[in-house]
């Protein structure tokens, strides 16, 4: 699976499927692109694993030490913590 933000593919971002979306561990340029997309309106999508492209929204950003986890949910989905 690959994360696509706007027109840029970010293969270095680790993705983990969760109900309704994905959790992404991002850092550096990839994290900046995700944050910018969440405020600037660029599209966020995941491709691969035989899944059709679907728009995602940033619903949560958690920072712990050197790790930043970004929750990406399909439109209308809700995260349960």
Protein backbone atom coordinates (compact mmCIF):
# COMPACT_ATOMS: atom_id res chain seq x y z
CA UNK A 1 0.00 0.00 0.00
CA UNK A 2 1.15 3.52 -0.78
CA UNK A 3 -0.02 6.83 0.59
CA UNK A 4 -0.71 9.55 -2.01
CA UNK A 5 -0.96 13.18 -0.88
CA UNK A 6 -1.93 15.52 -3.67
CA UNK A 7 0.21 14.34 -6.60
CA UNK A 8 3.05 12.89 -4.50
CA UNK A 9 3.35 9.21 -3.57
CA UNK A 10 4.84 8.67 -0.10
CA UNK A 11 6.07 5.04 -0.03
CA UNK A 12 8.15 5.66 3.12
CA UNK A 13 5.02 6.05 5.27
CA UNK A 14 4.09 2.88 7.17
CA UNK A 15 0.33 2.22 6.96
CA UNK A 16 -1.76 0.00 9.23
CA UNK A 17 -5.41 -0.70 8.34
CA UNK A 18 -7.94 0.12 11.07
CA UNK A 19 -11.76 0.01 10.93
CA UNK A 20 -12.80 2.87 8.65
CA UNK A 21 -9.33 3.91 7.53
CA UNK A 22 -5.61 3.70 8.28
CA UNK A 23 -3.01 4.72 10.83
CA UNK A 24 0.14 6.16 9.30
CA UNK A 25 3.50 6.60 10.99
CA UNK A 26 5.06 9.62 9.34
CA UNK A 27 8.03 11.91 9.88
CA UNK A 28 9.86 14.71 8.13
CA UNK A 29 8.61 15.74 4.69
CA UNK A 30 5.84 13.10 4.66
CA UNK A 31 4.42 14.40 7.96
CA UNK A 32 4.56 17.99 6.71
CA UNK A 33 2.68 17.01 3.53
CA UNK A 34 -0.04 15.24 5.56
CA UNK A 35 -0.50 18.22 7.87
CA UNK A 36 -0.53 20.68 4.97
CA UNK A 37 -3.09 18.53 3.11
CA UNK A 38 -5.38 18.42 6.13
CA UNK A 39 -5.55 22.23 6.19
CA UNK A 40 -4.97 23.07 2.52
CA UNK A 41 -7.48 20.79 0.87
CA UNK A 42 -5.09 18.48 -1.04
CA UNK A 43 -6.38 14.96 -1.50
CA UNK A 44 -5.14 12.10 0.66
CA UNK A 45 -5.54 8.57 -0.77
CA UNK A 46 -4.17 5.06 -0.35
CA UNK A 47 -3.48 2.79 -3.32
CA UNK A 48 -2.47 -0.85 -3.55
CA UNK A 49 -3.64 -4.19 -2.18
CA UNK A 50 -6.33 -4.29 -4.89
CA UNK A 51 -8.32 -1.47 -3.29
CA UNK A 52 -9.89 1.37 -5.28
CA UNK A 53 -8.68 4.89 -4.53
CA UNK A 54 -10.78 6.54 -1.85
CA UNK A 55 -10.45 9.95 -0.23
CA UNK A 56 -9.25 10.09 3.37
CA UNK A 57 -9.39 12.77 6.04
CA UNK A 58 -6.89 13.41 8.85
CA UNK A 59 -8.87 12.86 12.05
CA UNK A 60 -6.13 12.55 14.67
CA UNK A 61 -2.41 13.27 15.12
CA UNK A 62 -0.58 11.70 18.08
CA UNK A 63 3.04 12.37 18.94
CA UNK A 64 5.06 10.17 21.29
CA UNK A 65 8.82 10.51 21.38
CA UNK A 66 10.18 10.26 17.84
CA UNK A 67 6.97 8.70 16.48
CA UNK A 68 4.04 10.59 14.99
CA UNK A 69 0.89 8.61 14.23
CA UNK A 70 -1.69 10.14 11.91
CA UNK A 71 -5.19 8.63 11.75
CA UNK A 72 -6.69 8.74 8.26
CA UNK A 73 -10.38 7.93 7.99
CA UNK A 74 -12.66 7.41 4.98
CA UNK A 75 -15.26 10.17 4.59
CA UNK A 76 -18.00 9.70 7.19
CA UNK A 77 -16.09 7.09 9.23
CA UNK A 78 -15.34 7.58 12.93
CA UNK A 79 -12.36 6.38 14.94
CA UNK A 80 -12.98 4.53 18.18
CA UNK A 81 -10.26 4.90 20.80
